[in-house]
Amino acid sequence: MRNFPSLCRLVPSLCGLAAVVVLAGCTSSPGTAPSGKPTPATAVPESAGFYVEPDAPAAQQVAAWEAEGRTRDAAALRRIAGSPTAVWFADANPGFQDRARRLVEAATAAGRTAVLVPYYVPQRDCGGHSGGGAPDAASYRTWIADLAAVVRGNPAIVVLEPDAVPHLVDGCLDPAAAKERLTLLGEAIQRFKQQPGVRVYLDAGNPGWIKDVDRVAAALGDAGIRQADGFSLNVANFETTEANIAYGTAVSDRVGGLPFVIDTSRNGNGPAPVDARDADGHWCNPPGRALGPAPTTDTGTPRVAAYLWVKRPGESDGACLPDAPPAGQWWPEYALGLATN
């Protein structure tokens, strides 16, 4: 995913380090936020918690390393395996609906909330490392309708189409394609919002990309952001939590005070320095990065609905380095670096 330049406080150990089945954000009584802080009307319910896939790549890697005797590395990687991460849906391969159904039903059975990322908009990533998407608007509409139907009846968070709006603002689409994208995003929001209990956050990029927040806010408005629960920031990027809060607040001021969620999966050390010889190194598998704040709804900032791990820590951003696998492929050694830096 090319998201530059064009693309709870830590969870207590009993909530995340030992378990690989469920992990909730630090909770309080239903409907109230910790320390008496008001809970934004469209925030993720504090009592909901987030679902941890028991068979996610990190959990499988922990088991493999334990079998190989790499117990120290396995213990470090449990920081990822025991934490809730989003599940991406990026193709129309047969069975994607079954996969989504199993996810949301398992989360509901566990009393948790699944986090899903639809990532299939036409001309996705504008031909970058994560290029692809639906072949046309009709295919996308059908795909979104199928995915939304599967989610029906289950609590879920939907982080909608990372980079789709910022790429549009950045000018990588011709006017007709840009208009079509805005229409498709608005329709997708409406589809998911027809399902009770589904929260939708339309992606808005990150602070290091589109500096003009007025342009971002205008594009979000054209895409129907007022029908969503808010917007998401920093997906698959490394900008600091503080920078995202400042940027998100500025955007929120321009879209009626809507709340936002921040991807903190890999921003513990902030972004890597930009190397003029390799601009991709700033965002595509940069070395020395670290896990950020654990997923939670206890952010301490009223407009920040949640910190989420949207990008799976340990999945590649793309084959941008000699040893890097393709975008989305599990990369255990990079995951280990994130867990130990």
Protein backbone atom coordinates (compact mmCIF):
# COMPACT_ATOMS: atom_id res chain seq x y z
CA MET A 1 0.00 0.00 0.00
CA ARG A 2 1.59 3.24 -1.07
CA ASN A 3 0.54 5.81 1.46
CA PHE A 4 3.52 8.14 1.43
CA PRO A 5 4.06 10.48 -0.24
CA SER A 6 1.09 9.65 -2.48
CA LEU A 7 0.01 6.66 0.39
CA CYS A 8 -4.55 2.54 25.98
CA ARG A 9 -2.22 2.90 27.19
CA LEU A 10 -0.59 -0.49 26.78
CA VAL A 11 -2.99 -3.36 27.39
CA PRO A 12 -2.26 -5.12 30.67
CA SER A 13 -0.59 -8.48 30.29
CA LEU A 14 -3.65 -10.41 31.33
CA CYS A 15 -5.51 -8.83 28.40
CA GLY A 16 -3.00 -9.52 25.69
CA LEU A 17 0.34 -11.15 26.31
CA ALA A 18 -0.87 -14.55 27.44
CA ALA A 19 -4.02 -15.01 25.39
CA VAL A 20 -4.37 -15.45 21.68
CA VAL A 21 -8.11 -15.89 21.60
CA VAL A 22 -9.65 -12.71 22.99
CA LEU A 23 -8.41 -9.32 24.02
CA ALA A 24 -10.54 -6.40 25.00
CA GLY A 25 -9.62 -2.78 25.30
CA CYS A 26 -9.42 -1.63 28.92
CA THR A 27 -13.08 -1.63 29.87
CA SER A 28 -15.44 0.18 32.16
CA SER A 29 -19.14 -0.13 32.76
CA PRO A 30 -21.23 -0.15 29.59
CA GLY A 31 -21.88 3.30 28.14
CA THR A 32 -19.33 5.16 30.25
CA ALA A 33 -15.78 6.11 29.56
CA PRO A 34 -12.99 5.80 32.13
CA SER A 35 -12.45 8.63 34.61
CA GLY A 36 -15.89 10.02 33.90
CA LYS A 37 -14.95 11.27 30.42
CA PRO A 38 -17.94 11.50 28.07
CA THR A 39 -18.01 8.88 25.35
CA PRO A 40 -18.56 10.37 21.87
CA ALA A 41 -21.89 9.27 20.45
CA THR A 42 -20.27 7.47 17.54
CA ALA A 43 -17.32 6.02 19.41
CA VAL A 44 -16.76 2.30 19.68
CA PRO A 45 -18.52 1.11 22.87
CA GLU A 46 -15.89 0.83 25.59
CA SER A 47 -17.33 -2.47 26.78
CA ALA A 48 -17.26 -4.10 23.35
CA GLY A 49 -13.60 -5.15 23.17
CA PHE A 50 -11.95 -6.27 19.96
CA TYR A 51 -11.66 -9.74 18.54
CA VAL A 52 -8.36 -11.61 18.26
CA GLU A 53 -8.15 -14.24 15.53
CA PRO A 54 -6.78 -17.38 17.19
CA ASP A 55 -5.25 -18.61 13.92
CA ALA A 56 -3.80 -15.34 12.63
CA PRO A 57 -0.30 -15.50 11.07
CA ALA A 58 1.38 -14.23 14.24
CA ALA A 59 -0.26 -16.94 16.33
CA GLN A 60 0.80 -19.59 13.85
CA GLN A 61 4.34 -18.21 13.92
CA VAL A 62 4.45 -18.36 17.71
CA ALA A 63 3.53 -22.04 17.59
CA ALA A 64 6.11 -22.75 14.89
CA TRP A 65 8.91 -20.99 16.74
CA GLU A 66 8.05 -22.75 19.99
CA ALA A 67 8.26 -26.08 18.16
CA GLU A 68 11.67 -25.05 16.79
CA GLY A 69 12.92 -24.05 20.23
CA ARG A 70 12.92 -20.31 19.48
CA THR A 71 11.11 -19.69 22.75
CA ARG A 72 12.49 -16.20 23.31
CA ASP A 73 11.38 -15.03 19.88
CA ALA A 74 8.02 -16.74 20.33
CA ALA A 75 7.50 -14.93 23.62
CA ALA A 76 8.25 -11.58 21.98
CA LEU A 77 5.90 -12.27 19.10
CA ARG A 78 3.03 -12.95 21.51
CA ARG A 79 2.76 -9.18 21.78
CA ILE A 80 1.32 -9.33 18.28
CA ALA A 81 -0.39 -12.71 18.42
CA GLY A 82 -2.35 -11.75 21.54
CA SER A 83 -3.50 -8.37 20.23
CA PRO A 84 -6.54 -7.69 18.05
CA THR A 85 -5.77 -6.69 14.47
CA ALA A 86 -8.05 -5.88 11.57
CA VAL A 87 -8.85 -8.44 8.91
CA TRP A 88 -8.52 -7.25 5.32
CA PHE A 89 -10.77 -8.17 2.41
CA ALA A 90 -8.99 -7.27 -0.80
CA ASP A 91 -10.23 -9.61 -3.51
CA ALA A 92 -13.28 -11.40 -4.84
CA ASN A 93 -11.84 -14.90 -4.65
CA PRO A 94 -14.43 -17.58 -3.98
CA GLY A 95 -14.97 -17.96 -0.26
CA PHE A 96 -14.36 -14.35 0.79
CA GLN A 97 -17.93 -14.16 2.10
CA ASP A 98 -17.49 -17.34 4.11
CA ARG A 99 -14.26 -15.98 5.57
CA ALA A 100 -16.00 -12.76 6.58
CA ARG A 101 -18.96 -14.67 8.02
CA ARG A 102 -16.74 -16.89 10.14
CA LEU A 103 -14.91 -13.82 11.43
CA VAL A 104 -17.93 -11.81 12.53
CA GLU A 105 -19.79 -14.80 13.93
CA ALA A 106 -16.76 -15.92 15.96
CA ALA A 107 -16.33 -12.39 17.29
CA THR A 108 -19.98 -12.14 18.23
CA ALA A 109 -19.86 -15.52 19.96
CA ALA A 110 -16.88 -14.30 21.98
CA GLY A 111 -18.66 -11.08 22.89
CA ARG A 112 -16.12 -9.05 20.91
CA THR A 113 -16.10 -6.71 17.94
CA ALA A 114 -14.48 -7.65 14.64
CA VAL A 115 -12.56 -5.04 12.66
CA LEU A 116 -12.80 -5.39 8.89
CA VAL A 117 -11.03 -3.51 6.11
CA PRO A 118 -12.69 -3.51 2.67
CA TYR A 119 -9.87 -2.79 0.22
CA TYR A 120 -11.13 -3.43 -3.28
CA VAL A 121 -11.99 -0.07 -4.82
CA PRO A 122 -11.29 0.15 -8.59
CA GLN A 123 -7.78 1.40 -9.44
CA ARG A 124 -6.68 0.61 -5.91
CA ASP A 125 -3.36 2.12 -4.78
CA CYS A 126 -3.11 3.83 -8.17
CA GLY A 127 -0.93 1.02 -9.52
CA GLY A 128 1.45 0.94 -6.54
CA HIS A 129 2.67 -2.08 -4.58
CA SER A 130 -0.93 -2.90 -3.60
CA GLY A 131 -2.46 -2.14 -6.98
CA GLY A 132 -5.55 -3.99 -8.12
CA GLY A 133 -9.12 -3.78 -6.90
CA ALA A 134 -12.41 -4.35 -8.62
CA PRO A 135 -12.37 -4.31 -12.42
CA ASP A 136 -15.25 -1.83 -12.61
CA ALA A 137 -17.88 0.01 -10.61
CA ALA A 138 -20.55 -2.64 -11.08
CA SER A 139 -18.28 -5.36 -9.72
CA TYR A 140 -17.40 -3.21 -6.73
CA ARG A 141 -21.04 -2.51 -5.91
CA THR A 142 -21.82 -6.20 -5.94
CA TRP A 143 -18.78 -7.00 -3.82
CA ILE A 144 -19.63 -4.38 -1.20
CA ALA A 145 -23.24 -5.53 -1.06
CA ASP A 146 -22.11 -9.11 -0.50
CA LEU A 147 -19.68 -8.14 2.25
CA ALA A 148 -22.18 -5.88 4.01
CA ALA A 149 -24.81 -8.63 3.92
CA VAL A 150 -22.43 -11.00 5.69
CA VAL A 151 -21.78 -8.50 8.47
CA ARG A 152 -25.48 -7.98 9.10
CA GLY A 153 -26.55 -8.73 12.66
CA ASN A 154 -23.04 -8.62 14.14
CA PRO A 155 -21.17 -5.77 15.85
CA ALA A 156 -18.29 -4.69 13.66
CA ILE A 157 -15.96 -1.83 12.83
CA VAL A 158 -15.34 -1.15 9.15
CA VAL A 159 -12.27 0.84 8.13
CA LEU A 160 -13.28 1.67 4.58
CA GLU A 161 -10.83 1.70 1.67
CA PRO A 162 -7.45 2.87 2.99
CA ASP A 163 -5.89 5.55 0.77
CA ALA A 164 -8.87 5.82 -1.57
CA VAL A 165 -9.68 9.43 -0.66
CA PRO A 166 -6.11 10.74 -0.29
CA HIS A 167 -5.10 9.23 -3.64
CA LEU A 168 -8.03 11.02 -5.20
CA VAL A 169 -6.97 14.30 -3.58
CA ASP A 170 -3.40 13.65 -4.71
CA GLY A 171 -4.59 13.62 -8.31
CA CYS A 172 -3.79 10.10 -9.44
CA LEU A 173 -7.26 9.63 -10.99
CA ASP A 174 -8.76 11.39 -13.96
CA PRO A 175 -11.88 13.50 -13.25
CA ALA A 176 -14.34 10.81 -14.32
CA ALA A 177 -12.67 8.11 -12.21
CA ALA A 178 -12.45 10.49 -9.25
CA LYS A 179 -16.16 11.27 -9.46
CA GLU A 180 -16.98 7.58 -9.72
CA ARG A 181 -14.82 6.78 -6.69
CA LEU A 182 -16.58 9.36 -4.55
CA THR A 183 -19.93 7.88 -5.55
CA LEU A 184 -18.79 4.32 -4.80
CA LEU A 185 -17.44 5.27 -1.37
CA GLY A 186 -20.68 7.02 -0.46
CA GLU A 187 -22.68 4.00 -1.52
CA ALA A 188 -20.40 1.68 0.44
CA ILE A 189 -20.90 3.75 3.60
CA GLN A 190 -24.66 3.54 3.15
CA ARG A 191 -24.53 -0.21 2.59
CA PHE A 192 -22.66 -0.89 5.81
CA LYS A 193 -24.66 1.61 7.83
CA GLN A 194 -27.83 -0.30 6.97
CA GLN A 195 -26.53 -3.00 9.30
CA PRO A 196 -27.27 -2.41 13.00
CA GLY A 197 -24.18 -2.29 15.17
CA VAL A 198 -21.72 -1.53 12.35
CA ARG A 199 -19.41 1.46 12.72
CA VAL A 200 -17.85 2.84 9.53
CA TYR A 201 -14.70 4.96 9.37
CA LEU A 202 -13.71 6.26 5.93
CA ASP A 203 -9.96 6.49 5.50
CA ALA A 204 -8.38 9.96 5.34
CA GLY A 205 -4.67 9.16 4.96
CA ASN A 206 -2.04 10.40 7.39
CA PRO A 207 -0.38 13.64 8.53
CA GLY A 208 2.65 13.12 6.31
CA TRP A 209 0.71 12.93 3.07
CA ILE A 210 -1.89 15.57 2.22
CA LYS A 211 -0.93 18.60 4.29
CA ASP A 212 -3.93 20.70 3.24
CA VAL A 213 -6.63 19.51 5.62
CA ASP A 214 -9.25 21.61 3.85
CA ARG A 215 -8.80 19.55 0.69
CA VAL A 216 -8.99 16.29 2.62
CA ALA A 217 -12.09 17.40 4.50
CA ALA A 218 -13.78 18.52 1.29
CA ALA A 219 -13.11 15.17 -0.37
CA LEU A 220 -14.40 13.30 2.68
CA GLY A 221 -17.54 15.40 2.50
CA ASP A 222 -18.00 14.62 -1.17
CA ALA A 223 -17.63 10.92 -0.33
CA GLY A 224 -20.45 11.03 2.22
CA ILE A 225 -18.47 11.21 5.47
CA ARG A 226 -21.50 12.66 7.31
CA GLN A 227 -23.25 9.31 6.83
CA ALA A 228 -20.31 7.47 8.41
CA ASP A 229 -19.28 7.31 12.05
CA GLY A 230 -16.04 9.13 11.35
CA PHE A 231 -12.72 8.65 9.59
CA SER A 232 -9.50 6.70 10.00
CA LEU A 233 -5.88 7.84 9.97
CA ASN A 234 -2.39 6.39 9.63
CA VAL A 235 -3.43 3.06 8.11
CA ALA A 236 -0.25 1.14 7.26
CA ASN A 237 1.84 4.17 8.16
CA PHE A 238 4.16 5.17 10.97
CA GLU A 239 3.27 8.75 11.92
CA THR A 240 3.21 9.34 15.66
CA THR A 241 0.01 9.16 17.64
CA GLU A 242 0.43 12.79 18.65
CA ALA A 243 0.79 13.94 15.04
CA ASN A 244 -2.32 11.99 14.09
CA ILE A 245 -4.34 13.48 16.93
CA ALA A 246 -3.41 17.00 15.86
CA TYR A 247 -4.09 16.31 12.20
CA GLY A 248 -7.29 14.40 12.89
CA THR A 249 -8.63 17.14 15.12
CA ALA A 250 -8.05 19.68 12.34
CA VAL A 251 -9.90 17.48 9.86
CA SER A 252 -12.65 16.78 12.38
CA ASP A 253 -13.17 20.52 12.90
CA ARG A 254 -14.05 20.73 9.21
CA VAL A 255 -16.44 17.77 9.09
CA GLY A 256 -18.73 18.61 11.96
CA GLY A 257 -16.59 17.29 14.80
CA LEU A 258 -16.76 13.66 13.71
CA PRO A 259 -14.52 11.28 15.69
CA PHE A 260 -11.69 9.28 14.18
CA VAL A 261 -9.65 6.14 14.76
CA ILE A 262 -5.87 5.88 14.48
CA ASP A 263 -3.83 2.92 13.28
CA THR A 264 -1.13 2.56 15.94
CA SER A 265 0.10 -0.85 14.85
CA ARG A 266 3.61 0.29 13.88
CA ASN A 267 4.08 3.87 15.05
CA GLY A 268 5.87 3.26 18.35
CA ASN A 269 9.09 4.84 17.06
CA GLY A 270 7.39 7.21 14.66
CA PRO A 271 8.31 7.41 10.97
CA ALA A 272 11.71 6.59 9.60
CA PRO A 273 13.86 9.48 8.35
CA VAL A 274 13.33 10.16 4.68
CA ASP A 275 16.25 8.98 2.56
CA ALA A 276 16.45 11.20 -0.51
CA ARG A 277 17.87 8.28 -2.48
CA ASP A 278 14.91 6.05 -1.64
CA ALA A 279 11.72 7.88 -0.77
CA ASP A 280 9.91 4.55 -0.42
CA GLY A 281 12.06 3.80 2.62
CA HIS A 282 10.02 6.28 4.62
CA TRP A 283 6.87 4.17 4.44
CA CYS A 284 7.60 0.82 2.80
CA ASN A 285 8.99 -1.65 5.38
CA PRO A 286 11.34 0.88 6.98
CA PRO A 287 13.75 -0.65 9.52
CA GLY A 288 13.78 0.20 13.19
CA ARG A 289 10.04 0.68 13.59
CA ALA A 290 8.10 -0.56 16.63
CA LEU A 291 4.62 -1.46 17.79
CA GLY A 292 2.56 1.49 18.94
CA PRO A 293 -0.15 1.83 21.59
CA ALA A 294 -2.27 -1.30 21.95
CA PRO A 295 -5.82 -1.32 20.55
CA THR A 296 -8.22 0.37 22.93
CA THR A 297 -11.12 2.78 23.12
CA ASP A 298 -9.60 4.42 26.21
CA THR A 299 -7.63 7.00 24.24
CA GLY A 300 -7.97 9.91 26.64
CA THR A 301 -8.98 12.16 23.73
CA PRO A 302 -12.73 12.62 23.23
CA ARG A 303 -12.65 12.73 19.42
CA VAL A 304 -10.32 9.73 19.09
CA ALA A 305 -12.77 6.85 19.13
CA ALA A 306 -10.09 4.17 19.25
CA TYR A 307 -6.54 3.15 18.62
CA LEU A 308 -6.67 0.17 16.30
CA TRP A 309 -4.09 -2.13 14.75
CA VAL A 310 -5.42 -1.88 11.21
CA LYS A 311 -2.28 -2.92 9.38
CA ARG A 312 -1.26 -6.37 10.62
CA PRO A 313 2.16 -5.93 12.23
CA GLY A 314 4.52 -8.18 10.31
CA GLU A 315 2.78 -8.10 6.94
CA SER A 316 4.90 -6.54 4.20
CA ASP A 317 4.14 -3.17 2.62
CA GLY A 318 5.51 -4.42 -0.68
CA ALA A 319 8.58 -5.78 -2.44
CA CYS A 320 10.40 -2.48 -2.06
CA LEU A 321 13.56 -3.95 -0.49
CA PRO A 322 15.72 -6.83 -1.73
CA ASP A 323 14.47 -9.21 0.96
CA ALA A 324 10.89 -7.89 1.25
CA PRO A 325 7.97 -10.12 0.20
CA PRO A 326 5.00 -8.79 -1.79
CA ALA A 327 2.47 -6.50 -0.17
CA GLY A 328 0.29 -8.23 2.41
CA GLN A 329 2.53 -11.29 2.81
CA TRP A 330 3.53 -12.35 6.32
CA TRP A 331 7.17 -11.50 7.12
CA PRO A 332 8.12 -13.05 10.48
CA GLU A 333 11.47 -11.36 10.93
CA TYR A 334 9.99 -7.92 10.36
CA ALA A 335 7.26 -8.77 12.85
CA LEU A 336 9.90 -9.76 15.37
CA GLY A 337 11.64 -6.44 14.87
CA LEU A 338 8.43 -4.55 15.55
CA ALA A 339 7.84 -6.57 18.71
CA THR A 340 11.33 -6.04 20.12
CA ASN A 341 12.41 -2.55 19.03
